[in-house]
Amino acid sequence: MKLLTPLLLLSSTALIGCEPSCAKTCKTLLACEGVETEVTEEEECEASCLTQEEVYEDIGEDSDEREAFKELKKCIQSSECDAIAAGECYDEELYIW
């Protein structure tokens, strides 16, 4: 049991810093029929998302833009389609779709 405790702490710590994936974010976004977007294919959406993610990685892991982008993806993944369509997660400076 003593061996499991550090492993559980380590795995839970790793989950705290996890960033939502572009693939899951795009799948969620494109599943919402009421969301207006120029991107219609998951591959195109994911490529656009990954490109923006790389730009923010180049700026720095702790940049405001990087954090805002993480929050945007979290918002899309945790919101209902109606809320996304109404603009709940929209950020003019970050919105990639």
PDB file of N, CA and C in Angstrom:
ATOM      1  N   MET A   1       0.815  -1.193   0.000  1.00  0.00           N
ATOM      2  CA  MET A   1       0.000   0.000   0.000  1.00  0.00           C
ATOM      3  C   MET A   1       0.859   1.258   0.000  1.00  0.00           C
ATOM      4  N   LYS A   2       2.014   1.212   0.702  1.00  0.00           N
ATOM      5  CA  LYS A   2       2.900   2.371   0.744  1.00  0.00           C
ATOM      6  C   LYS A   2       3.406   2.741  -0.646  1.00  0.00           C
ATOM      7  N   LEU A   3       3.607   1.762  -1.490  1.00  0.00           N
ATOM      8  CA  LEU A   3       4.095   2.005  -2.835  1.00  0.00           C
ATOM      9  C   LEU A   3       3.025   2.658  -3.698  1.00  0.00           C
ATOM     10  N   LEU A   4       1.778   2.334  -3.499  1.00  0.00           N
ATOM     11  CA  LEU A   4       0.697   2.890  -4.310  1.00  0.00           C
ATOM     12  C   LEU A   4       0.448   4.364  -4.034  1.00  0.00           C
ATOM     13  N   THR A   5       0.622   4.804  -2.808  1.00  0.00           N
ATOM     14  CA  THR A   5       0.341   6.188  -2.454  1.00  0.00           C
ATOM     15  C   THR A   5       1.164   7.175  -3.282  1.00  0.00           C
ATOM     16  N   PRO A   6       2.479   7.028  -3.398  1.00  0.00           N
ATOM     17  CA  PRO A   6       3.235   7.960  -4.237  1.00  0.00           C
ATOM     18  C   PRO A   6       2.825   7.898  -5.711  1.00  0.00           C
ATOM     19  N   LEU A   7       2.496   6.709  -6.179  1.00  0.00           N
ATOM     20  CA  LEU A   7       2.066   6.581  -7.567  1.00  0.00           C
ATOM     21  C   LEU A   7       0.738   7.294  -7.801  1.00  0.00           C
ATOM     22  N   LEU A   8      -0.169   7.176  -6.858  1.00  0.00           N
ATOM     23  CA  LEU A   8      -1.456   7.872  -6.987  1.00  0.00           C
ATOM     24  C   LEU A   8      -1.266   9.381  -6.953  1.00  0.00           C
ATOM     25  N   LEU A   9      -0.405   9.852  -6.086  1.00  0.00           N
ATOM     26  CA  LEU A   9      -0.132  11.291  -6.018  1.00  0.00           C
ATOM     27  C   LEU A   9       0.505  11.784  -7.299  1.00  0.00           C
ATOM     28  N   LEU A  10       1.436  11.029  -7.834  1.00  0.00           N
ATOM     29  CA  LEU A  10       2.105  11.405  -9.059  1.00  0.00           C
ATOM     30  C   LEU A  10       1.125  11.449 -10.226  1.00  0.00           C
ATOM     31  N   SER A  11       0.263  10.450 -10.342  1.00  0.00           N
ATOM     32  CA  SER A  11      -0.688  10.420 -11.453  1.00  0.00           C
ATOM     33  C   SER A  11      -1.733  11.510 -11.322  1.00  0.00           C
ATOM     34  N   SER A  12      -2.173  11.827 -10.111  1.00  0.00           N
ATOM     35  CA  SER A  12      -3.153  12.899  -9.952  1.00  0.00           C
ATOM     36  C   SER A  12      -2.518  14.256 -10.207  1.00  0.00           C
ATOM     37  N   THR A  13      -1.255  14.427  -9.878  1.00  0.00           N
ATOM     38  CA  THR A  13      -0.551  15.671 -10.164  1.00  0.00           C
ATOM     39  C   THR A  13      -0.395  15.854 -11.666  1.00  0.00           C
ATOM     40  N   ALA A  14      -0.125  14.800 -12.379  1.00  0.00           N
ATOM     41  CA  ALA A  14       0.021  14.875 -13.830  1.00  0.00           C
ATOM     42  C   ALA A  14      -1.293  15.270 -14.493  1.00  0.00           C
ATOM     43  N   LEU A  15      -2.404  14.843 -13.946  1.00  0.00           N
ATOM     44  CA  LEU A  15      -3.697  15.167 -14.535  1.00  0.00           C
ATOM     45  C   LEU A  15      -4.078  16.625 -14.358  1.00  0.00           C
ATOM     46  N   ILE A  16      -3.606  17.258 -13.317  1.00  0.00           N
ATOM     47  CA  ILE A  16      -3.951  18.644 -13.053  1.00  0.00           C
ATOM     48  C   ILE A  16      -3.485  19.541 -14.188  1.00  0.00           C
ATOM     49  N   GLY A  17      -2.313  19.294 -14.730  1.00  0.00           N
ATOM     50  CA  GLY A  17      -1.752  20.136 -15.766  1.00  0.00           C
ATOM     51  C   GLY A  17      -2.137  19.732 -17.178  1.00  0.00           C
ATOM     52  N   CYS A  18      -3.002  18.769 -17.331  1.00  0.00           N
ATOM     53  CA  CYS A  18      -3.359  18.285 -18.656  1.00  0.00           C
ATOM     54  C   CYS A  18      -4.097  19.347 -19.452  1.00  0.00           C
ATOM     55  N   GLU A  19      -3.716  19.437 -20.700  1.00  0.00           N
ATOM     56  CA  GLU A  19      -4.379  20.357 -21.608  1.00  0.00           C
ATOM     57  C   GLU A  19      -5.348  19.557 -22.478  1.00  0.00           C
ATOM     58  N   PRO A  20      -6.535  20.094 -22.690  1.00  0.00           N
ATOM     59  CA  PRO A  20      -7.479  19.402 -23.565  1.00  0.00           C
ATOM     60  C   PRO A  20      -6.883  19.226 -24.963  1.00  0.00           C
ATOM     61  N   SER A  21      -7.140  18.096 -25.567  1.00  0.00           N
ATOM     62  CA  SER A  21      -6.567  17.834 -26.885  1.00  0.00           C
ATOM     63  C   SER A  21      -7.336  18.564 -27.978  1.00  0.00           C
ATOM     64  N   CYS A  22      -6.634  18.864 -29.048  1.00  0.00           N
ATOM     65  CA  CYS A  22      -7.280  19.481 -30.208  1.00  0.00           C
ATOM     66  C   CYS A  22      -8.280  18.508 -30.832  1.00  0.00           C
ATOM     67  N   ALA A  23      -7.922  17.232 -30.860  1.00  0.00           N
ATOM     68  CA  ALA A  23      -8.810  16.239 -31.467  1.00  0.00           C
ATOM     69  C   ALA A  23     -10.162  16.200 -30.757  1.00  0.00           C
ATOM     70  N   LYS A  24     -10.136  16.134 -29.436  1.00  0.00           N
ATOM     71  CA  LYS A  24     -11.388  16.073 -28.673  1.00  0.00           C
ATOM     72  C   LYS A  24     -12.155  17.388 -28.773  1.00  0.00           C
ATOM     73  N   THR A  25     -11.434  18.495 -28.741  1.00  0.00           N
ATOM     74  CA  THR A  25     -12.072  19.804 -28.851  1.00  0.00           C
ATOM     75  C   THR A  25     -12.771  19.932 -30.194  1.00  0.00           C
ATOM     76  N   CYS A  26     -12.110  19.537 -31.263  1.00  0.00           N
ATOM     77  CA  CYS A  26     -12.695  19.627 -32.597  1.00  0.00           C
ATOM     78  C   CYS A  26     -13.894  18.694 -32.753  1.00  0.00           C
ATOM     79  N   LYS A  27     -13.768  17.511 -32.192  1.00  0.00           N
ATOM     80  CA  LYS A  27     -14.882  16.557 -32.270  1.00  0.00           C
ATOM     81  C   LYS A  27     -16.120  17.140 -31.579  1.00  0.00           C
ATOM     82  N   THR A  28     -15.918  17.741 -30.427  1.00  0.00           N
ATOM     83  CA  THR A  28     -17.016  18.365 -29.691  1.00  0.00           C
ATOM     84  C   THR A  28     -17.593  19.523 -30.480  1.00  0.00           C
ATOM     85  N   LEU A  29     -16.727  20.383 -30.983  1.00  0.00           N
ATOM     86  CA  LEU A  29     -17.163  21.572 -31.706  1.00  0.00           C
ATOM     87  C   LEU A  29     -17.941  21.212 -32.965  1.00  0.00           C
ATOM     88  N   LEU A  30     -17.421  20.284 -33.751  1.00  0.00           N
ATOM     89  CA  LEU A  30     -18.065  19.929 -35.014  1.00  0.00           C
ATOM     90  C   LEU A  30     -19.332  19.103 -34.831  1.00  0.00           C
ATOM     91  N   ALA A  31     -19.508  18.521 -33.661  1.00  0.00           N
ATOM     92  CA  ALA A  31     -20.735  17.774 -33.379  1.00  0.00           C
ATOM     93  C   ALA A  31     -21.912  18.712 -33.101  1.00  0.00           C
ATOM     94  N   CYS A  32     -21.619  19.972 -32.867  1.00  0.00           N
ATOM     95  CA  CYS A  32     -22.653  20.965 -32.567  1.00  0.00           C
ATOM     96  C   CYS A  32     -23.157  21.581 -33.867  1.00  0.00           C
ATOM     97  N   GLU A  33     -24.347  21.205 -34.274  1.00  0.00           N
ATOM     98  CA  GLU A  33     -24.891  21.660 -35.547  1.00  0.00           C
ATOM     99  C   GLU A  33     -25.173  23.160 -35.577  1.00  0.00           C
ATOM    100  N   GLY A  34     -25.469  23.758 -34.434  1.00  0.00           N
ATOM    101  CA  GLY A  34     -25.819  25.165 -34.400  1.00  0.00           C
ATOM    102  C   GLY A  34     -24.634  26.110 -34.371  1.00  0.00           C
ATOM    103  N   VAL A  35     -23.422  25.572 -34.347  1.00  0.00           N
ATOM    104  CA  VAL A  35     -22.229  26.402 -34.281  1.00  0.00           C
ATOM    105  C   VAL A  35     -21.783  26.745 -35.703  1.00  0.00           C
ATOM    106  N   GLU A  36     -21.698  28.048 -35.984  1.00  0.00           N
ATOM    107  CA  GLU A  36     -21.232  28.495 -37.291  1.00  0.00           C
ATOM    108  C   GLU A  36     -19.710  28.444 -37.318  1.00  0.00           C
ATOM    109  N   THR A  37     -19.181  27.721 -38.265  1.00  0.00           N
ATOM    110  CA  THR A  37     -17.737  27.598 -38.407  1.00  0.00           C
ATOM    111  C   THR A  37     -17.391  27.385 -39.868  1.00  0.00           C
ATOM    112  N   GLU A  38     -16.254  27.913 -40.285  1.00  0.00           N
ATOM    113  CA  GLU A  38     -15.790  27.714 -41.653  1.00  0.00           C
ATOM    114  C   GLU A  38     -15.172  26.326 -41.819  1.00  0.00           C
ATOM    115  N   VAL A  39     -14.768  25.718 -40.728  1.00  0.00           N
ATOM    116  CA  VAL A  39     -14.142  24.399 -40.747  1.00  0.00           C
ATOM    117  C   VAL A  39     -15.230  23.343 -40.635  1.00  0.00           C
ATOM    118  N   THR A  40     -15.224  22.384 -41.556  1.00  0.00           N
ATOM    119  CA  THR A  40     -16.256  21.354 -41.537  1.00  0.00           C
ATOM    120  C   THR A  40     -15.708  19.944 -41.334  1.00  0.00           C
ATOM    121  N   GLU A  41     -14.411  19.780 -41.457  1.00  0.00           N
ATOM    122  CA  GLU A  41     -13.790  18.467 -41.317  1.00  0.00           C
ATOM    123  C   GLU A  41     -12.935  18.429 -40.056  1.00  0.00           C
ATOM    124  N   GLU A  42     -12.982  17.314 -39.339  1.00  0.00           N
ATOM    125  CA  GLU A  42     -12.198  17.176 -38.111  1.00  0.00           C
ATOM    126  C   GLU A  42     -10.702  17.348 -38.364  1.00  0.00           C
ATOM    127  N   GLU A  43     -10.207  16.807 -39.473  1.00  0.00           N
ATOM    128  CA  GLU A  43      -8.775  16.899 -39.768  1.00  0.00           C
ATOM    129  C   GLU A  43      -8.351  18.353 -39.953  1.00  0.00           C
ATOM    130  N   GLU A  44      -9.159  19.135 -40.663  1.00  0.00           N
ATOM    131  CA  GLU A  44      -8.858  20.543 -40.891  1.00  0.00           C
ATOM    132  C   GLU A  44      -8.911  21.330 -39.577  1.00  0.00           C
ATOM    133  N   CYS A  45      -9.908  21.030 -38.785  1.00  0.00           N
ATOM    134  CA  CYS A  45     -10.064  21.670 -37.486  1.00  0.00           C
ATOM    135  C   CYS A  45      -8.869  21.364 -36.599  1.00  0.00           C
ATOM    136  N   GLU A  46      -8.509  20.107 -36.535  1.00  0.00           N
ATOM    137  CA  GLU A  46      -7.399  19.695 -35.677  1.00  0.00           C
ATOM    138  C   GLU A  46      -6.085  20.313 -36.152  1.00  0.00           C
ATOM    139  N   ALA A  47      -5.871  20.377 -37.454  1.00  0.00           N
ATOM    140  CA  ALA A  47      -4.643  20.978 -37.984  1.00  0.00           C
ATOM    141  C   ALA A  47      -4.563  22.449 -37.609  1.00  0.00           C
ATOM    142  N   SER A  48      -5.686  23.148 -37.709  1.00  0.00           N
ATOM    143  CA  SER A  48      -5.730  24.559 -37.346  1.00  0.00           C
ATOM    144  C   SER A  48      -5.467  24.748 -35.858  1.00  0.00           C
ATOM    145  N   CYS A  49      -6.077  23.920 -35.052  1.00  0.00           N
ATOM    146  CA  CYS A  49      -5.899  23.966 -33.605  1.00  0.00           C
ATOM    147  C   CYS A  49      -4.449  23.689 -33.222  1.00  0.00           C
ATOM    148  N   LEU A  50      -3.865  22.669 -33.813  1.00  0.00           N
ATOM    149  CA  LEU A  50      -2.480  22.315 -33.507  1.00  0.00           C
ATOM    150  C   LEU A  50      -1.507  23.408 -33.939  1.00  0.00           C
ATOM    151  N   THR A  51      -1.804  24.064 -35.055  1.00  0.00           N
ATOM    152  CA  THR A  51      -0.960  25.165 -35.515  1.00  0.00           C
ATOM    153  C   THR A  51      -0.969  26.295 -34.502  1.00  0.00           C
ATOM    154  N   GLN A  52      -2.167  26.645 -34.030  1.00  0.00           N
ATOM    155  CA  GLN A  52      -2.247  27.715 -33.041  1.00  0.00           C
ATOM    156  C   GLN A  52      -1.579  27.292 -31.733  1.00  0.00           C
ATOM    157  N   GLU A  53      -1.733  26.044 -31.360  1.00  0.00           N
ATOM    158  CA  GLU A  53      -1.098  25.526 -30.148  1.00  0.00           C
ATOM    159  C   GLU A  53       0.424  25.660 -30.242  1.00  0.00           C
ATOM    160  N   GLU A  54       0.985  25.345 -31.411  1.00  0.00           N
ATOM    161  CA  GLU A  54       2.434  25.455 -31.618  1.00  0.00           C
ATOM    162  C   GLU A  54       2.905  26.901 -31.524  1.00  0.00           C
ATOM    163  N   VAL A  55       2.115  27.822 -32.049  1.00  0.00           N
ATOM    164  CA  VAL A  55       2.465  29.246 -31.970  1.00  0.00           C
ATOM    165  C   VAL A  55       2.592  29.655 -30.508  1.00  0.00           C
ATOM    166  N   TYR A  56       1.638  29.230 -29.689  1.00  0.00           N
ATOM    167  CA  TYR A  56       1.667  29.593 -28.280  1.00  0.00           C
ATOM    168  C   TYR A  56       2.766  28.864 -27.520  1.00  0.00           C
ATOM    169  N   GLU A  57       3.129  27.671 -27.959  1.00  0.00           N
ATOM    170  CA  GLU A  57       4.250  26.959 -27.339  1.00  0.00           C
ATOM    171  C   GLU A  57       5.551  27.709 -27.614  1.00  0.00           C
ATOM    172  N   ASP A  58       5.664  28.267 -28.839  1.00  0.00           N
ATOM    173  CA  ASP A  58       6.868  29.029 -29.187  1.00  0.00           C
ATOM    174  C   ASP A  58       6.981  30.297 -28.350  1.00  0.00           C
ATOM    175  N   ILE A  59       5.840  30.900 -28.005  1.00  0.00           N
ATOM    176  CA  ILE A  59       5.847  32.101 -27.169  1.00  0.00           C
ATOM    177  C   ILE A  59       6.319  31.739 -25.765  1.00  0.00           C
ATOM    178  N   GLY A  60       5.858  30.602 -25.278  1.00  0.00           N
ATOM    179  CA  GLY A  60       6.256  30.138 -23.950  1.00  0.00           C
ATOM    180  C   GLY A  60       5.119  29.413 -23.268  1.00  0.00           C
ATOM    181  N   GLU A  61       5.465  28.376 -22.527  1.00  0.00           N
ATOM    182  CA  GLU A  61       4.478  27.541 -21.836  1.00  0.00           C
ATOM    183  C   GLU A  61       3.596  28.327 -20.880  1.00  0.00           C
ATOM    184  N   ASP A  62       4.144  29.379 -20.272  1.00  0.00           N
ATOM    185  CA  ASP A  62       3.396  30.129 -19.266  1.00  0.00           C
ATOM    186  C   ASP A  62       2.791  31.424 -19.808  1.00  0.00           C
ATOM    187  N   SER A  63       2.726  31.565 -21.112  1.00  0.00           N
ATOM    188  CA  SER A  63       2.218  32.812 -21.681  1.00  0.00           C
ATOM    189  C   SER A  63       0.712  32.940 -21.441  1.00  0.00           C
ATOM    190  N   ASP A  64       0.249  34.175 -21.418  1.00  0.00           N
ATOM    191  CA  ASP A  64      -1.181  34.433 -21.252  1.00  0.00           C
ATOM    192  C   ASP A  64      -1.980  33.831 -22.400  1.00  0.00           C
ATOM    193  N   GLU A  65      -1.425  33.903 -23.606  1.00  0.00           N
ATOM    194  CA  GLU A  65      -2.107  33.358 -24.772  1.00  0.00           C
ATOM    195  C   GLU A  65      -2.274  31.848 -24.652  1.00  0.00           C
ATOM    196  N   ARG A  66      -1.221  31.193 -24.199  1.00  0.00           N
ATOM    197  CA  ARG A  66      -1.248  29.728 -24.034  1.00  0.00           C
ATOM    198  C   ARG A  66      -2.314  29.322 -23.009  1.00  0.00           C
ATOM    199  N   GLU A  67      -2.366  30.044 -21.907  1.00  0.00           N
ATOM    200  CA  GLU A  67      -3.364  29.751 -20.872  1.00  0.00           C
ATOM    201  C   GLU A  67      -4.776  30.020 -21.388  1.00  0.00           C
ATOM    202  N   ALA A  68      -4.948  31.116 -22.107  1.00  0.00           N
ATOM    203  CA  ALA A  68      -6.268  31.443 -22.658  1.00  0.00           C
ATOM    204  C   ALA A  68      -6.710  30.389 -23.669  1.00  0.00           C
ATOM    205  N   PHE A  69      -5.761  29.858 -24.448  1.00  0.00           N
ATOM    206  CA  PHE A  69      -6.083  28.828 -25.421  1.00  0.00           C
ATOM    207  C   PHE A  69      -6.501  27.537 -24.735  1.00  0.00           C
ATOM    208  N   LYS A  70      -5.814  27.190 -23.656  1.00  0.00           N
ATOM    209  CA  LYS A  70      -6.206  26.012 -22.867  1.00  0.00           C
ATOM    210  C   LYS A  70      -7.625  26.186 -22.339  1.00  0.00           C
ATOM    211  N   GLU A  71      -7.917  27.372 -21.823  1.00  0.00           N
ATOM    212  CA  GLU A  71      -9.248  27.646 -21.277  1.00  0.00           C
ATOM    213  C   GLU A  71     -10.318  27.597 -22.366  1.00  0.00           C
ATOM    214  N   LEU A  72      -9.988  28.065 -23.561  1.00  0.00           N
ATOM    215  CA  LEU A  72     -10.919  27.995 -24.681  1.00  0.00           C
ATOM    216  C   LEU A  72     -11.288  26.543 -24.984  1.00  0.00           C
ATOM    217  N   LYS A  73     -10.274  25.681 -25.050  1.00  0.00           N
ATOM    218  CA  LYS A  73     -10.539  24.270 -25.341  1.00  0.00           C
ATOM    219  C   LYS A  73     -11.326  23.611 -24.211  1.00  0.00           C
ATOM    220  N   LYS A  74     -10.993  23.958 -22.966  1.00  0.00           N
ATOM    221  CA  LYS A  74     -11.755  23.422 -21.836  1.00  0.00           C
ATOM    222  C   LYS A  74     -13.216  23.857 -21.916  1.00  0.00           C
ATOM    223  N   CYS A  75     -13.426  25.125 -22.258  1.00  0.00           N
ATOM    224  CA  CYS A  75     -14.779  25.653 -22.355  1.00  0.00           C
ATOM    225  C   CYS A  75     -15.590  24.910 -23.416  1.00  0.00           C
ATOM    226  N   ILE A  76     -14.991  24.710 -24.577  1.00  0.00           N
ATOM    227  CA  ILE A  76     -15.694  24.006 -25.662  1.00  0.00           C
ATOM    228  C   ILE A  76     -16.048  22.594 -25.228  1.00  0.00           C
ATOM    229  N   GLN A  77     -15.127  21.921 -24.576  1.00  0.00           N
ATOM    230  CA  GLN A  77     -15.372  20.535 -24.184  1.00  0.00           C
ATOM    231  C   GLN A  77     -16.368  20.403 -23.042  1.00  0.00           C
ATOM    232  N   SER A  78     -16.535  21.444 -22.250  1.00  0.00           N
ATOM    233  CA  SER A  78     -17.422  21.333 -21.094  1.00  0.00           C
ATOM    234  C   SER A  78     -18.772  22.036 -21.282  1.00  0.00           C
ATOM    235  N   SER A  79     -18.963  22.680 -22.415  1.00  0.00           N
ATOM    236  CA  SER A  79     -20.196  23.438 -22.636  1.00  0.00           C
ATOM    237  C   SER A  79     -21.175  22.687 -23.522  1.00  0.00           C
ATOM    238  N   GLU A  80     -22.441  23.030 -23.365  1.00  0.00           N
ATOM    239  CA  GLU A  80     -23.491  22.490 -24.231  1.00  0.00           C
ATOM    240  C   GLU A  80     -23.418  23.186 -25.589  1.00  0.00           C
ATOM    241  N   CYS A  81     -23.894  22.515 -26.616  1.00  0.00           N
ATOM    242  CA  CYS A  81     -23.845  23.074 -27.962  1.00  0.00           C
ATOM    243  C   CYS A  81     -24.557  24.422 -28.056  1.00  0.00           C
ATOM    244  N   ASP A  82     -25.697  24.561 -27.404  1.00  0.00           N
ATOM    245  CA  ASP A  82     -26.431  25.825 -27.451  1.00  0.00           C
ATOM    246  C   ASP A  82     -25.591  26.968 -26.879  1.00  0.00           C
ATOM    247  N   ALA A  83     -24.866  26.699 -25.809  1.00  0.00           N
ATOM    248  CA  ALA A  83     -24.020  27.719 -25.193  1.00  0.00           C
ATOM    249  C   ALA A  83     -22.847  28.073 -26.104  1.00  0.00           C
ATOM    250  N   ILE A  84     -22.273  27.071 -26.745  1.00  0.00           N
ATOM    251  CA  ILE A  84     -21.173  27.328 -27.674  1.00  0.00           C
ATOM    252  C   ILE A  84     -21.675  28.165 -28.843  1.00  0.00           C
ATOM    253  N   ALA A  85     -22.838  27.797 -29.391  1.00  0.00           N
ATOM    254  CA  ALA A  85     -23.429  28.535 -30.507  1.00  0.00           C
ATOM    255  C   ALA A  85     -23.756  29.976 -30.112  1.00  0.00           C
ATOM    256  N   ALA A  86     -24.105  30.187 -28.858  1.00  0.00           N
ATOM    257  CA  ALA A  86     -24.437  31.527 -28.370  1.00  0.00           C
ATOM    258  C   ALA A  86     -23.178  32.357 -28.101  1.00  0.00           C
ATOM    259  N   GLY A  87     -22.002  31.738 -28.202  1.00  0.00           N
ATOM    260  CA  GLY A  87     -20.752  32.465 -28.051  1.00  0.00           C
ATOM    261  C   GLY A  87     -20.102  32.375 -26.688  1.00  0.00           C
ATOM    262  N   GLU A  88     -20.549  31.446 -25.861  1.00  0.00           N
ATOM    263  CA  GLU A  88     -20.001  31.320 -24.506  1.00  0.00           C
ATOM    264  C   GLU A  88     -18.478  31.171 -24.493  1.00  0.00           C
ATOM    265  N   CYS A  89     -17.933  30.457 -25.448  1.00  0.00           N
ATOM    266  CA  CYS A  89     -16.495  30.191 -25.457  1.00  0.00           C
ATOM    267  C   CYS A  89     -15.738  31.074 -26.448  1.00  0.00           C
ATOM    268  N   TYR A  90     -16.426  31.905 -27.158  1.00  0.00           N
ATOM    269  CA  TYR A  90     -15.803  32.698 -28.213  1.00  0.00           C
ATOM    270  C   TYR A  90     -14.817  33.716 -27.657  1.00  0.00           C
ATOM    271  N   ASP A  91     -13.653  33.779 -28.281  1.00  0.00           N
ATOM    272  CA  ASP A  91     -12.651  34.779 -27.964  1.00  0.00           C
ATOM    273  C   ASP A  91     -12.062  35.214 -29.305  1.00  0.00           C
ATOM    274  N   GLU A  92     -12.313  36.439 -29.674  1.00  0.00           N
ATOM    275  CA  GLU A  92     -11.907  36.949 -30.987  1.00  0.00           C
ATOM    276  C   GLU A  92     -10.417  36.769 -31.253  1.00  0.00           C
ATOM    277  N   GLU A  93      -9.607  36.903 -30.226  1.00  0.00           N
ATOM    278  CA  GLU A  93      -8.159  36.797 -30.404  1.00  0.00           C
ATOM    279  C   GLU A  93      -7.681  35.357 -30.514  1.00  0.00           C
ATOM    280  N   LEU A  94      -8.468  34.412 -30.042  1.00  0.00           N
ATOM    281  CA  LEU A  94      -8.034  33.014 -30.026  1.00  0.00           C
ATOM    282  C   LEU A  94      -8.839  32.106 -30.940  1.00  0.00           C
ATOM    283  N   TYR A  95     -10.014  32.505 -31.287  1.00  0.00           N
ATOM    284  CA  TYR A  95     -10.929  31.587 -31.950  1.00  0.00           C
ATOM    285  C   TYR A  95     -10.363  31.113 -33.276  1.00  0.00           C
ATOM    286  N   ILE A  96     -10.184  29.836 -33.423  1.00  0.00           N
ATOM    287  CA  ILE A  96      -9.481  29.276 -34.578  1.00  0.00           C
ATOM    288  C   ILE A  96     -10.410  28.622 -35.585  1.00  0.00           C
ATOM    289  N   TRP A  97     -11.680  28.517 -35.238  1.00  0.00           N
ATOM    290  CA  TRP A  97     -12.572  27.799 -36.135  1.00  0.00           C
ATOM    291  C   TRP A  97     -13.508  28.777 -36.790  1.00  0.00           C
TER     292      TRP A  97
END
